N, C-alpha and C. Protein backbone atom coordinates (compact mmCIF):
# COMPACT_ATOMS: atom_id res chain seq x y z
N MET A 1 0.84 -1.20 0.00
CA MET A 1 0.00 0.00 0.00
C MET A 1 0.88 1.26 0.00
N CYS A 2 0.36 2.34 -0.58
CA CYS A 2 1.10 3.61 -0.63
C CYS A 2 0.85 4.39 0.66
N ASN A 3 1.42 3.89 1.76
CA ASN A 3 1.12 4.46 3.07
C ASN A 3 2.22 5.35 3.62
N LEU A 4 3.17 5.74 2.79
CA LEU A 4 4.27 6.57 3.26
C LEU A 4 4.79 7.41 2.10
N TYR A 5 4.95 8.71 2.34
CA TYR A 5 5.55 9.59 1.33
C TYR A 5 6.33 10.69 2.03
N ARG A 6 7.13 11.43 1.26
CA ARG A 6 7.95 12.48 1.84
C ARG A 6 7.98 13.70 0.92
N VAL A 7 8.34 14.83 1.51
CA VAL A 7 8.52 16.08 0.77
C VAL A 7 9.83 16.69 1.24
N ARG A 8 10.78 16.85 0.33
CA ARG A 8 12.11 17.33 0.71
C ARG A 8 12.32 18.81 0.41
N GLN A 9 11.47 19.42 -0.37
CA GLN A 9 11.61 20.85 -0.64
C GLN A 9 11.23 21.67 0.58
N SER A 10 11.71 22.90 0.62
CA SER A 10 11.36 23.79 1.72
C SER A 10 9.91 24.24 1.57
N VAL A 11 9.36 24.76 2.66
CA VAL A 11 7.99 25.28 2.62
C VAL A 11 7.87 26.39 1.59
N ALA A 12 8.88 27.25 1.50
CA ALA A 12 8.85 28.35 0.54
C ALA A 12 8.84 27.83 -0.90
N GLU A 13 9.63 26.79 -1.18
CA GLU A 13 9.67 26.22 -2.52
C GLU A 13 8.34 25.57 -2.89
N ILE A 14 7.74 24.89 -1.94
CA ILE A 14 6.46 24.24 -2.20
C ILE A 14 5.36 25.27 -2.41
N ALA A 15 5.38 26.32 -1.58
CA ALA A 15 4.38 27.38 -1.73
C ALA A 15 4.50 28.05 -3.09
N ALA A 16 5.72 28.28 -3.55
CA ALA A 16 5.93 28.91 -4.85
C ALA A 16 5.43 28.00 -5.97
N HIS A 17 5.67 26.71 -5.85
CA HIS A 17 5.25 25.76 -6.87
C HIS A 17 3.73 25.74 -7.02
N PHE A 18 3.02 25.78 -5.90
CA PHE A 18 1.57 25.67 -5.94
C PHE A 18 0.86 27.03 -5.92
N GLY A 19 1.63 28.10 -5.87
CA GLY A 19 1.02 29.43 -5.91
C GLY A 19 0.24 29.79 -4.67
N VAL A 20 0.81 29.47 -3.50
CA VAL A 20 0.14 29.79 -2.24
C VAL A 20 1.08 30.57 -1.33
N HIS A 21 0.52 31.17 -0.28
CA HIS A 21 1.33 31.89 0.70
C HIS A 21 2.03 30.87 1.60
N PRO A 22 3.34 31.03 1.86
CA PRO A 22 4.05 30.06 2.71
C PRO A 22 3.45 29.97 4.11
N PRO A 23 3.09 28.79 4.57
CA PRO A 23 2.54 28.63 5.92
C PRO A 23 3.65 28.61 6.97
N ALA A 24 3.24 28.71 8.22
CA ALA A 24 4.21 28.74 9.31
C ALA A 24 4.35 27.37 9.95
N PHE A 25 4.59 26.32 9.15
CA PHE A 25 4.84 24.99 9.70
C PHE A 25 5.75 24.22 8.75
N ASP A 26 6.39 23.20 9.28
CA ASP A 26 7.26 22.35 8.47
C ASP A 26 6.43 21.25 7.81
N ILE A 27 6.97 20.68 6.74
CA ILE A 27 6.29 19.60 6.05
C ILE A 27 7.04 18.30 6.33
N PRO A 28 6.40 17.36 7.01
CA PRO A 28 7.10 16.16 7.47
C PRO A 28 7.07 15.03 6.45
N GLN A 29 7.84 13.98 6.77
CA GLN A 29 7.59 12.69 6.13
C GLN A 29 6.25 12.22 6.68
N THR A 30 5.37 11.75 5.83
CA THR A 30 4.01 11.48 6.25
C THR A 30 3.65 10.02 6.08
N LYS A 31 3.04 9.45 7.12
CA LYS A 31 2.52 8.11 7.04
C LYS A 31 1.06 8.10 7.50
N ARG A 32 0.39 7.03 7.17
CA ARG A 32 -1.04 6.92 7.44
C ARG A 32 -1.39 7.25 8.88
N GLY A 33 -2.42 8.08 9.05
CA GLY A 33 -2.89 8.45 10.37
C GLY A 33 -2.17 9.61 11.01
N GLU A 34 -1.15 10.16 10.34
CA GLU A 34 -0.40 11.28 10.90
C GLU A 34 -0.65 12.56 10.11
N ARG A 35 -0.04 13.65 10.57
CA ARG A 35 -0.26 14.94 9.95
C ARG A 35 0.46 15.04 8.62
N GLY A 36 -0.22 15.62 7.64
CA GLY A 36 0.36 15.87 6.34
C GLY A 36 -0.09 17.23 5.83
N VAL A 37 0.28 17.54 4.61
CA VAL A 37 0.00 18.86 4.05
C VAL A 37 -0.76 18.70 2.73
N ILE A 38 -1.76 19.56 2.54
CA ILE A 38 -2.51 19.58 1.30
C ILE A 38 -2.61 21.01 0.79
N VAL A 39 -2.92 21.15 -0.49
CA VAL A 39 -3.23 22.43 -1.11
C VAL A 39 -4.62 22.33 -1.68
N ARG A 40 -5.46 23.31 -1.39
CA ARG A 40 -6.83 23.27 -1.90
C ARG A 40 -7.28 24.67 -2.30
N GLY A 41 -8.40 24.71 -3.04
CA GLY A 41 -8.96 25.99 -3.46
C GLY A 41 -8.76 26.25 -4.94
N ALA A 42 -9.57 27.15 -5.47
CA ALA A 42 -9.49 27.51 -6.88
C ALA A 42 -8.24 28.35 -7.15
N ALA A 43 -7.90 28.50 -8.43
CA ALA A 43 -6.74 29.30 -8.81
C ALA A 43 -6.82 30.69 -8.22
N ASN A 44 -5.67 31.19 -7.76
CA ASN A 44 -5.54 32.50 -7.11
C ASN A 44 -6.16 32.55 -5.72
N ARG A 45 -6.72 31.45 -5.26
CA ARG A 45 -7.29 31.40 -3.90
C ARG A 45 -6.85 30.13 -3.18
N ARG A 46 -5.77 29.55 -3.61
CA ARG A 46 -5.31 28.32 -3.00
C ARG A 46 -4.65 28.58 -1.66
N VAL A 47 -4.77 27.60 -0.78
CA VAL A 47 -4.15 27.67 0.54
C VAL A 47 -3.49 26.34 0.84
N MET A 48 -2.46 26.36 1.67
CA MET A 48 -1.80 25.15 2.13
C MET A 48 -2.20 24.91 3.58
N LEU A 49 -2.63 23.68 3.87
CA LEU A 49 -3.14 23.35 5.19
C LEU A 49 -2.45 22.10 5.73
N GLU A 50 -2.35 22.01 7.03
CA GLU A 50 -1.82 20.82 7.70
C GLU A 50 -2.98 20.05 8.31
N VAL A 51 -3.20 18.82 7.85
CA VAL A 51 -4.35 18.03 8.28
C VAL A 51 -3.95 16.56 8.45
N ASN A 52 -4.87 15.74 8.94
CA ASN A 52 -4.60 14.33 9.17
C ASN A 52 -4.80 13.51 7.90
N TRP A 53 -3.85 12.59 7.63
CA TRP A 53 -3.94 11.74 6.45
C TRP A 53 -4.72 10.48 6.80
N GLY A 54 -5.99 10.49 6.45
CA GLY A 54 -6.84 9.33 6.69
C GLY A 54 -8.23 9.74 7.17
N PHE A 55 -9.25 9.25 6.48
CA PHE A 55 -10.63 9.48 6.89
C PHE A 55 -11.00 8.49 7.98
N PRO A 56 -11.72 8.93 9.01
CA PRO A 56 -12.06 8.00 10.10
C PRO A 56 -13.14 6.99 9.68
N ARG A 57 -12.83 5.71 9.85
CA ARG A 57 -13.81 4.66 9.59
C ARG A 57 -14.05 3.90 10.88
N PRO A 58 -15.29 3.84 11.36
CA PRO A 58 -15.55 3.19 12.65
C PRO A 58 -15.31 1.69 12.59
N GLN A 59 -14.66 1.19 13.63
CA GLN A 59 -14.45 -0.23 13.81
C GLN A 59 -15.31 -0.67 14.99
N LYS A 60 -16.19 -1.67 14.75
CA LYS A 60 -17.14 -2.08 15.78
C LYS A 60 -16.96 -3.56 16.12
N ASP A 61 -17.40 -3.93 17.32
CA ASP A 61 -17.36 -5.34 17.69
C ASP A 61 -18.58 -6.05 17.10
N ARG A 62 -18.71 -7.33 17.39
CA ARG A 62 -19.80 -8.11 16.79
C ARG A 62 -21.16 -7.62 17.25
N GLY A 63 -21.22 -6.96 18.37
CA GLY A 63 -22.49 -6.44 18.86
C GLY A 63 -22.81 -5.05 18.36
N GLY A 64 -21.93 -4.51 17.54
CA GLY A 64 -22.18 -3.18 16.99
C GLY A 64 -21.66 -2.04 17.84
N LYS A 65 -20.94 -2.36 18.91
CA LYS A 65 -20.39 -1.32 19.77
C LYS A 65 -19.12 -0.74 19.16
N LEU A 66 -19.01 0.58 19.15
CA LEU A 66 -17.83 1.24 18.58
C LEU A 66 -16.59 0.95 19.40
N LEU A 67 -15.55 0.46 18.73
CA LEU A 67 -14.27 0.20 19.38
C LEU A 67 -13.33 1.38 19.21
N HIS A 68 -13.13 1.80 17.96
CA HIS A 68 -12.26 2.92 17.65
C HIS A 68 -12.45 3.28 16.18
N HIS A 69 -11.75 4.30 15.72
CA HIS A 69 -11.78 4.68 14.31
C HIS A 69 -10.44 4.36 13.67
N GLU A 70 -10.48 3.80 12.49
CA GLU A 70 -9.28 3.45 11.74
C GLU A 70 -9.09 4.44 10.59
N PRO A 71 -7.87 4.95 10.38
CA PRO A 71 -7.67 5.89 9.27
C PRO A 71 -7.67 5.19 7.91
N VAL A 72 -8.50 5.67 7.01
CA VAL A 72 -8.54 5.19 5.63
C VAL A 72 -7.94 6.29 4.77
N ASN A 73 -6.73 6.06 4.26
CA ASN A 73 -5.98 7.13 3.60
C ASN A 73 -5.92 7.01 2.09
N LEU A 74 -6.29 5.83 1.55
CA LEU A 74 -6.19 5.61 0.12
C LEU A 74 -7.58 5.40 -0.47
N ILE A 75 -7.80 5.96 -1.65
CA ILE A 75 -9.11 5.92 -2.29
C ILE A 75 -8.96 5.25 -3.65
N ALA A 76 -9.51 4.04 -3.77
CA ALA A 76 -9.39 3.28 -5.00
C ALA A 76 -10.72 3.13 -5.72
N ASP A 77 -11.77 2.81 -4.96
CA ASP A 77 -13.10 2.58 -5.53
C ASP A 77 -13.94 3.83 -5.35
N LEU A 78 -14.11 4.60 -6.41
CA LEU A 78 -14.84 5.86 -6.33
C LEU A 78 -16.33 5.67 -6.07
N THR A 79 -16.85 4.45 -6.29
CA THR A 79 -18.27 4.20 -6.07
C THR A 79 -18.57 3.78 -4.63
N ASN A 80 -17.54 3.60 -3.82
CA ASN A 80 -17.75 3.24 -2.42
C ASN A 80 -18.57 4.33 -1.73
N PRO A 81 -19.61 3.96 -0.96
CA PRO A 81 -20.44 4.97 -0.29
C PRO A 81 -19.66 5.94 0.59
N MET A 82 -18.47 5.54 1.01
CA MET A 82 -17.65 6.42 1.84
C MET A 82 -17.19 7.65 1.06
N TRP A 83 -17.11 7.52 -0.28
CA TRP A 83 -16.58 8.61 -1.11
C TRP A 83 -17.61 9.23 -2.06
N ASP A 84 -18.74 8.57 -2.28
CA ASP A 84 -19.58 8.94 -3.41
C ASP A 84 -20.09 10.38 -3.36
N LYS A 85 -20.26 10.96 -2.18
CA LYS A 85 -20.71 12.35 -2.10
C LYS A 85 -19.59 13.35 -2.35
N MET A 86 -18.36 12.94 -2.10
CA MET A 86 -17.23 13.84 -2.30
C MET A 86 -16.75 13.88 -3.74
N VAL A 87 -16.77 12.72 -4.39
CA VAL A 87 -16.17 12.61 -5.72
C VAL A 87 -16.71 13.64 -6.71
N PRO A 88 -18.03 13.89 -6.80
CA PRO A 88 -18.52 14.84 -7.80
C PRO A 88 -18.30 16.31 -7.45
N ASP A 89 -17.99 16.61 -6.21
CA ASP A 89 -17.97 17.99 -5.72
C ASP A 89 -16.54 18.53 -5.63
N PRO A 90 -16.20 19.54 -6.44
CA PRO A 90 -14.83 20.09 -6.42
C PRO A 90 -14.40 20.65 -5.06
N ARG A 91 -15.36 20.99 -4.22
CA ARG A 91 -15.01 21.55 -2.90
C ARG A 91 -14.20 20.58 -2.06
N TYR A 92 -14.29 19.29 -2.37
CA TYR A 92 -13.64 18.28 -1.55
C TYR A 92 -12.31 17.80 -2.15
N ARG A 93 -11.84 18.44 -3.19
CA ARG A 93 -10.61 17.98 -3.83
C ARG A 93 -9.39 18.77 -3.33
N CYS A 94 -8.24 18.14 -3.38
CA CYS A 94 -7.02 18.80 -2.95
C CYS A 94 -5.83 18.23 -3.70
N LEU A 95 -4.72 18.94 -3.59
CA LEU A 95 -3.43 18.50 -4.12
C LEU A 95 -2.54 18.12 -2.95
N ILE A 96 -1.83 17.02 -3.07
CA ILE A 96 -0.93 16.56 -2.01
C ILE A 96 0.50 16.71 -2.51
N PRO A 97 1.29 17.64 -1.97
CA PRO A 97 2.68 17.80 -2.41
C PRO A 97 3.52 16.57 -2.03
N VAL A 98 4.27 16.07 -3.01
CA VAL A 98 5.06 14.85 -2.80
C VAL A 98 6.40 14.97 -3.53
N THR A 99 7.46 14.54 -2.88
CA THR A 99 8.75 14.36 -3.53
C THR A 99 8.93 12.91 -3.97
N ALA A 100 8.55 11.98 -3.08
CA ALA A 100 8.68 10.55 -3.38
C ALA A 100 7.71 9.78 -2.49
N PHE A 101 7.24 8.65 -2.99
CA PHE A 101 6.39 7.76 -2.19
C PHE A 101 7.11 6.43 -2.04
N ALA A 102 6.82 5.74 -0.94
CA ALA A 102 7.52 4.50 -0.63
C ALA A 102 6.59 3.30 -0.74
N GLN A 103 7.22 2.15 -1.05
CA GLN A 103 6.53 0.86 -1.05
C GLN A 103 7.35 -0.13 -0.25
N PRO A 104 6.69 -1.07 0.44
CA PRO A 104 7.44 -2.10 1.15
C PRO A 104 8.07 -3.09 0.19
N ASP A 105 9.31 -3.47 0.47
CA ASP A 105 10.07 -4.33 -0.45
C ASP A 105 10.72 -5.45 0.35
N GLY A 106 10.57 -6.67 -0.10
CA GLY A 106 11.22 -7.78 0.57
C GLY A 106 10.24 -8.71 1.27
N LYS A 107 10.77 -9.56 2.16
CA LYS A 107 9.97 -10.56 2.85
C LYS A 107 9.30 -9.96 4.07
N ARG A 108 8.10 -10.48 4.37
CA ARG A 108 7.36 -10.04 5.55
C ARG A 108 8.23 -10.16 6.80
N GLY A 109 8.22 -9.13 7.61
CA GLY A 109 9.01 -9.10 8.84
C GLY A 109 10.34 -8.41 8.67
N THR A 110 10.85 -8.37 7.44
CA THR A 110 12.13 -7.70 7.18
C THR A 110 12.01 -6.73 5.99
N MET A 111 10.78 -6.31 5.68
CA MET A 111 10.57 -5.42 4.55
C MET A 111 11.29 -4.10 4.73
N THR A 112 11.82 -3.59 3.64
CA THR A 112 12.50 -2.30 3.65
C THR A 112 11.73 -1.31 2.78
N ARG A 113 12.17 -0.06 2.82
CA ARG A 113 11.49 1.01 2.10
C ARG A 113 12.18 1.26 0.75
N THR A 114 11.40 1.14 -0.30
CA THR A 114 11.86 1.51 -1.63
C THR A 114 11.08 2.73 -2.07
N TRP A 115 11.81 3.79 -2.46
CA TRP A 115 11.19 5.07 -2.79
C TRP A 115 11.09 5.25 -4.29
N PHE A 116 9.98 5.86 -4.71
CA PHE A 116 9.74 6.16 -6.11
C PHE A 116 9.52 7.67 -6.27
N SER A 117 10.24 8.27 -7.19
CA SER A 117 10.07 9.69 -7.49
C SER A 117 9.97 9.87 -9.00
N VAL A 118 9.56 11.07 -9.42
CA VAL A 118 9.47 11.38 -10.84
C VAL A 118 10.76 12.11 -11.23
N THR A 119 11.51 11.53 -12.13
CA THR A 119 12.86 12.01 -12.44
C THR A 119 12.88 13.48 -12.86
N ASP A 120 11.94 13.89 -13.69
CA ASP A 120 11.95 15.26 -14.20
C ASP A 120 11.07 16.22 -13.42
N TRP A 121 10.43 15.75 -12.34
CA TRP A 121 9.64 16.61 -11.45
C TRP A 121 10.13 16.44 -10.02
N PRO A 122 10.99 17.32 -9.52
CA PRO A 122 11.45 17.21 -8.14
C PRO A 122 10.30 17.27 -7.13
N LEU A 123 9.21 17.90 -7.54
CA LEU A 123 8.01 18.00 -6.70
C LEU A 123 6.81 17.73 -7.60
N PHE A 124 5.88 16.91 -7.12
CA PHE A 124 4.67 16.67 -7.91
C PHE A 124 3.46 16.63 -6.97
N ALA A 125 2.28 16.59 -7.57
CA ALA A 125 1.05 16.55 -6.79
C ALA A 125 0.38 15.20 -6.93
N TRP A 126 -0.06 14.66 -5.82
CA TRP A 126 -0.87 13.45 -5.75
C TRP A 126 -2.32 13.90 -5.65
N ALA A 127 -3.21 13.38 -6.47
CA ALA A 127 -4.61 13.78 -6.45
C ALA A 127 -5.28 13.31 -5.16
N GLY A 128 -5.95 14.23 -4.46
CA GLY A 128 -6.55 13.87 -3.18
C GLY A 128 -7.93 14.46 -2.96
N PHE A 129 -8.56 13.98 -1.89
CA PHE A 129 -9.85 14.49 -1.44
C PHE A 129 -9.72 14.88 0.03
N CYS A 130 -10.51 15.85 0.45
CA CYS A 130 -10.44 16.31 1.84
C CYS A 130 -11.82 16.75 2.32
N ARG A 131 -12.00 16.70 3.62
CA ARG A 131 -13.23 17.22 4.22
C ARG A 131 -13.02 17.37 5.71
N HIS A 132 -14.01 17.94 6.39
CA HIS A 132 -13.97 18.06 7.84
C HIS A 132 -14.73 16.88 8.44
N SER A 133 -14.11 16.19 9.37
CA SER A 133 -14.75 15.05 10.03
C SER A 133 -15.09 15.42 11.47
N GLU A 134 -16.17 14.87 11.98
CA GLU A 134 -16.55 15.12 13.37
C GLU A 134 -15.54 14.51 14.34
N GLU A 135 -14.94 13.40 13.93
CA GLU A 135 -14.06 12.68 14.85
C GLU A 135 -12.68 13.31 14.95
N TRP A 136 -12.08 13.68 13.83
CA TRP A 136 -10.68 14.12 13.81
C TRP A 136 -10.48 15.51 13.23
N GLY A 137 -11.54 16.21 12.91
CA GLY A 137 -11.38 17.51 12.27
C GLY A 137 -11.04 17.35 10.80
N PRO A 138 -10.24 18.28 10.23
CA PRO A 138 -9.89 18.19 8.80
C PRO A 138 -9.05 16.94 8.51
N VAL A 139 -9.43 16.22 7.46
CA VAL A 139 -8.72 15.01 7.05
C VAL A 139 -8.62 14.98 5.53
N TYR A 140 -7.72 14.13 5.02
CA TYR A 140 -7.61 13.96 3.58
C TYR A 140 -7.25 12.52 3.24
N GLY A 141 -7.52 12.17 1.98
CA GLY A 141 -7.16 10.86 1.45
C GLY A 141 -6.59 11.03 0.06
N ALA A 142 -5.91 10.01 -0.45
CA ALA A 142 -5.20 10.10 -1.72
C ALA A 142 -5.72 9.05 -2.69
N MET A 143 -5.95 9.46 -3.94
CA MET A 143 -6.50 8.54 -4.94
C MET A 143 -5.40 7.71 -5.59
N THR A 144 -5.68 6.43 -5.80
CA THR A 144 -4.72 5.53 -6.41
C THR A 144 -5.22 5.04 -7.77
N THR A 145 -4.29 4.48 -8.53
CA THR A 145 -4.58 3.95 -9.85
C THR A 145 -3.75 2.69 -10.06
N ASP A 146 -3.92 2.03 -11.19
CA ASP A 146 -3.10 0.86 -11.49
C ASP A 146 -1.63 1.26 -11.62
N SER A 147 -0.75 0.45 -11.11
CA SER A 147 0.68 0.76 -11.12
C SER A 147 1.28 0.60 -12.51
N ASN A 148 2.34 1.35 -12.74
CA ASN A 148 3.13 1.14 -13.97
C ASN A 148 4.12 -0.01 -13.73
N ALA A 149 4.92 -0.30 -14.72
CA ALA A 149 5.83 -1.45 -14.64
C ALA A 149 6.93 -1.27 -13.60
N ALA A 150 7.22 -0.02 -13.21
CA ALA A 150 8.24 0.21 -12.19
C ALA A 150 7.74 -0.12 -10.79
N VAL A 151 6.49 0.22 -10.52
CA VAL A 151 5.93 0.05 -9.18
C VAL A 151 5.26 -1.32 -9.01
N ALA A 152 4.71 -1.86 -10.08
CA ALA A 152 3.88 -3.08 -10.01
C ALA A 152 4.53 -4.27 -9.31
N PRO A 153 5.86 -4.49 -9.43
CA PRO A 153 6.44 -5.63 -8.71
C PRO A 153 6.26 -5.55 -7.20
N LEU A 154 6.05 -4.36 -6.66
CA LEU A 154 5.89 -4.19 -5.22
C LEU A 154 4.45 -3.91 -4.81
N ASN A 155 3.66 -3.35 -5.73
CA ASN A 155 2.29 -2.97 -5.38
C ASN A 155 1.48 -2.80 -6.66
N PRO A 156 0.29 -3.38 -6.74
CA PRO A 156 -0.53 -3.20 -7.94
C PRO A 156 -1.15 -1.81 -8.06
N ARG A 157 -1.05 -1.00 -6.98
CA ARG A 157 -1.62 0.35 -7.00
C ARG A 157 -0.53 1.38 -6.72
N MET A 158 -0.69 2.56 -7.30
CA MET A 158 0.24 3.66 -7.10
C MET A 158 -0.53 4.98 -7.09
N PRO A 159 0.09 6.09 -6.69
CA PRO A 159 -0.59 7.38 -6.67
C PRO A 159 -1.03 7.85 -8.05
N VAL A 160 -2.15 8.58 -8.08
CA VAL A 160 -2.54 9.32 -9.27
C VAL A 160 -1.72 10.60 -9.29
N ILE A 161 -0.74 10.66 -10.18
CA ILE A 161 0.20 11.78 -10.23
C ILE A 161 -0.28 12.81 -11.25
N LEU A 162 -0.32 14.07 -10.82
CA LEU A 162 -0.80 15.16 -11.67
C LEU A 162 0.35 16.01 -12.16
N ALA A 163 0.28 16.43 -13.41
CA ALA A 163 1.23 17.40 -13.96
C ALA A 163 0.82 18.80 -13.51
N PRO A 164 1.76 19.75 -13.43
CA PRO A 164 1.42 21.10 -13.00
C PRO A 164 0.28 21.73 -13.80
N ASP A 165 0.20 21.46 -15.09
CA ASP A 165 -0.87 22.06 -15.88
C ASP A 165 -2.20 21.33 -15.72
N GLU A 166 -2.24 20.32 -14.84
CA GLU A 166 -3.49 19.61 -14.56
C GLU A 166 -4.08 19.97 -13.21
N TYR A 167 -3.40 20.80 -12.44
CA TYR A 167 -3.87 21.12 -11.08
C TYR A 167 -5.25 21.74 -11.11
N GLU A 168 -5.46 22.71 -11.96
CA GLU A 168 -6.74 23.41 -11.99
C GLU A 168 -7.87 22.47 -12.40
N ARG A 169 -7.59 21.62 -13.38
CA ARG A 169 -8.62 20.67 -13.82
C ARG A 169 -9.01 19.73 -12.70
N TRP A 170 -8.01 19.27 -11.92
CA TRP A 170 -8.33 18.40 -10.79
C TRP A 170 -9.16 19.13 -9.75
N LEU A 171 -8.76 20.34 -9.40
CA LEU A 171 -9.42 21.07 -8.33
C LEU A 171 -10.79 21.59 -8.70
N GLU A 172 -11.01 21.85 -9.98
CA GLU A 172 -12.27 22.50 -10.38
C GLU A 172 -13.06 21.73 -11.43
N GLY A 173 -12.57 20.58 -11.88
CA GLY A 173 -13.22 19.85 -12.96
C GLY A 173 -14.46 19.09 -12.54
N THR A 174 -15.02 18.35 -13.50
CA THR A 174 -16.23 17.58 -13.29
C THR A 174 -15.91 16.20 -12.75
N VAL A 175 -16.95 15.45 -12.41
CA VAL A 175 -16.76 14.08 -11.96
C VAL A 175 -16.14 13.24 -13.07
N ASN A 176 -16.44 13.56 -14.31
CA ASN A 176 -15.83 12.83 -15.43
C ASN A 176 -14.32 13.07 -15.49
N ASP A 177 -13.89 14.28 -15.11
CA ASP A 177 -12.45 14.55 -15.05
C ASP A 177 -11.79 13.66 -13.99
N VAL A 178 -12.45 13.54 -12.84
CA VAL A 178 -11.91 12.69 -11.77
C VAL A 178 -11.76 11.26 -12.26
N ILE A 179 -12.78 10.74 -12.91
CA ILE A 179 -12.74 9.37 -13.42
C ILE A 179 -11.64 9.21 -14.47
N ASP A 180 -11.50 10.23 -15.33
CA ASP A 180 -10.46 10.17 -16.36
C ASP A 180 -9.07 10.10 -15.73
N PHE A 181 -8.84 10.90 -14.69
CA PHE A 181 -7.53 10.89 -14.04
C PHE A 181 -7.22 9.52 -13.44
N GLN A 182 -8.21 8.89 -12.83
CA GLN A 182 -7.93 7.61 -12.19
C GLN A 182 -7.72 6.48 -13.18
N PHE A 183 -8.41 6.51 -14.30
CA PHE A 183 -8.37 5.37 -15.21
C PHE A 183 -7.51 5.59 -16.46
N ARG A 184 -6.84 6.72 -16.54
CA ARG A 184 -5.90 6.90 -17.65
C ARG A 184 -4.65 6.06 -17.37
N PRO A 185 -3.79 5.85 -18.36
CA PRO A 185 -2.55 5.11 -18.12
C PRO A 185 -1.70 5.82 -17.07
N PRO A 186 -1.04 5.09 -16.18
CA PRO A 186 -0.19 5.72 -15.18
C PRO A 186 1.04 6.35 -15.81
N LEU A 187 1.77 7.11 -15.01
CA LEU A 187 3.01 7.72 -15.47
C LEU A 187 3.94 6.65 -16.03
N PRO A 188 4.57 6.86 -17.21
CA PRO A 188 5.44 5.84 -17.78
C PRO A 188 6.58 5.47 -16.82
N PRO A 189 6.92 4.20 -16.73
CA PRO A 189 7.96 3.77 -15.79
C PRO A 189 9.32 4.38 -16.07
N GLU A 190 9.63 4.70 -17.32
CA GLU A 190 10.93 5.28 -17.63
C GLU A 190 11.09 6.69 -17.07
N ARG A 191 10.02 7.30 -16.61
CA ARG A 191 10.11 8.64 -16.01
C ARG A 191 10.34 8.58 -14.50
N MET A 192 10.43 7.38 -13.96
CA MET A 192 10.53 7.24 -12.50
C MET A 192 11.94 6.84 -12.08
N THR A 193 12.34 7.37 -10.92
CA THR A 193 13.61 7.00 -10.29
C THR A 193 13.30 6.11 -9.09
N ILE A 194 14.02 5.00 -8.96
CA ILE A 194 13.80 4.05 -7.87
C ILE A 194 14.99 4.11 -6.91
N GLU A 195 14.70 4.29 -5.65
CA GLU A 195 15.74 4.35 -4.60
C GLU A 195 15.49 3.24 -3.58
N ARG A 196 16.26 2.20 -3.64
CA ARG A 196 16.12 1.10 -2.68
C ARG A 196 16.97 1.40 -1.45
N THR A 197 16.42 1.16 -0.27
CA THR A 197 17.12 1.45 0.97
C THR A 197 17.14 0.22 1.87
N LYS A 198 17.92 0.31 2.94
CA LYS A 198 17.95 -0.74 3.95
C LYS A 198 17.10 -0.36 5.17
N GLU A 199 16.43 0.77 5.07
CA GLU A 199 15.58 1.23 6.17
C GLU A 199 14.35 0.33 6.28
N LEU A 200 14.07 -0.19 7.48
CA LEU A 200 12.94 -1.09 7.66
C LEU A 200 11.63 -0.37 7.37
N TRP A 201 10.72 -1.09 6.75
CA TRP A 201 9.40 -0.51 6.44
C TRP A 201 8.70 -0.07 7.72
N VAL A 202 8.68 -0.92 8.71
CA VAL A 202 8.17 -0.57 10.04
C VAL A 202 9.35 -0.54 10.99
N PRO A 203 9.81 0.65 11.39
CA PRO A 203 10.98 0.74 12.28
C PRO A 203 10.77 -0.04 13.57
N ARG A 204 11.82 -0.69 14.03
CA ARG A 204 11.73 -1.40 15.30
C ARG A 204 11.56 -0.41 16.44
N ARG A 205 10.71 -0.79 17.39
CA ARG A 205 10.46 0.08 18.53
C ARG A 205 10.86 -0.64 19.81
N PRO A 206 11.19 0.12 20.87
CA PRO A 206 11.53 -0.51 22.15
C PRO A 206 10.38 -1.38 22.65
N PRO A 207 10.68 -2.45 23.39
CA PRO A 207 9.63 -3.36 23.87
C PRO A 207 8.56 -2.68 24.68
N HIS A 208 8.91 -1.56 25.36
CA HIS A 208 7.93 -0.90 26.22
C HIS A 208 7.04 0.07 25.47
N ALA A 209 7.30 0.27 24.17
CA ALA A 209 6.49 1.22 23.40
C ALA A 209 5.05 0.71 23.33
N SER A 210 4.09 1.58 23.67
CA SER A 210 2.71 1.15 23.76
C SER A 210 1.91 1.40 22.50
N HIS A 211 2.38 2.29 21.62
CA HIS A 211 1.63 2.57 20.40
C HIS A 211 2.18 1.77 19.24
N ARG A 212 1.31 1.45 18.29
CA ARG A 212 1.74 0.66 17.15
C ARG A 212 1.91 1.54 15.93
N ALA A 213 2.79 1.13 15.04
CA ALA A 213 3.02 1.88 13.82
C ALA A 213 1.80 1.77 12.93
N LEU A 214 1.48 2.85 12.23
CA LEU A 214 0.30 2.86 11.37
C LEU A 214 0.67 2.63 9.91
N ILE A 215 1.93 2.36 9.60
CA ILE A 215 2.28 2.04 8.23
C ILE A 215 1.72 0.68 7.90
């Protein structure tokens, strides 16, 4: 799953790229359920916001009692009732600034992080949706598509990557535009740079650590 991405440019560089006023916060490496950054709004009125990556989905026991909410950060099936009201409405769309996204590589238990970036775009936008949730406040999710030949050996799904001249169409277009973006051919594999690392996909934590990783 595409549950981890990073942004290496400065806040000022990202703001200039997306045509927004630089915010007063840093942009972190982002994983599911944690804080990330989005850009939303029509041309000349765009803003950069820091919000949670993942829509809250209730998890219940067999008796229907609420246990907790699980973050759903990836959007693949646009007809799912969880998304159907957002998909047609441009108010719920956003751009997600990304330098590279990671996929788990290797055998279960010892998986490492392999990063994918776009060779000729040091910064690109991942197509996303956002809204205000009662449980967690502002949240966002990222749309996926079929992987190209570079990503497919590790994951059948990859981000919907937008070119700079497609930002306005994504943010203000019709539901047919959204469908076109998801089902068009993915970015050609020859345009991608692959960085294999020895960094564990899920970092080891001390035995006394009480929280679990959300990757």
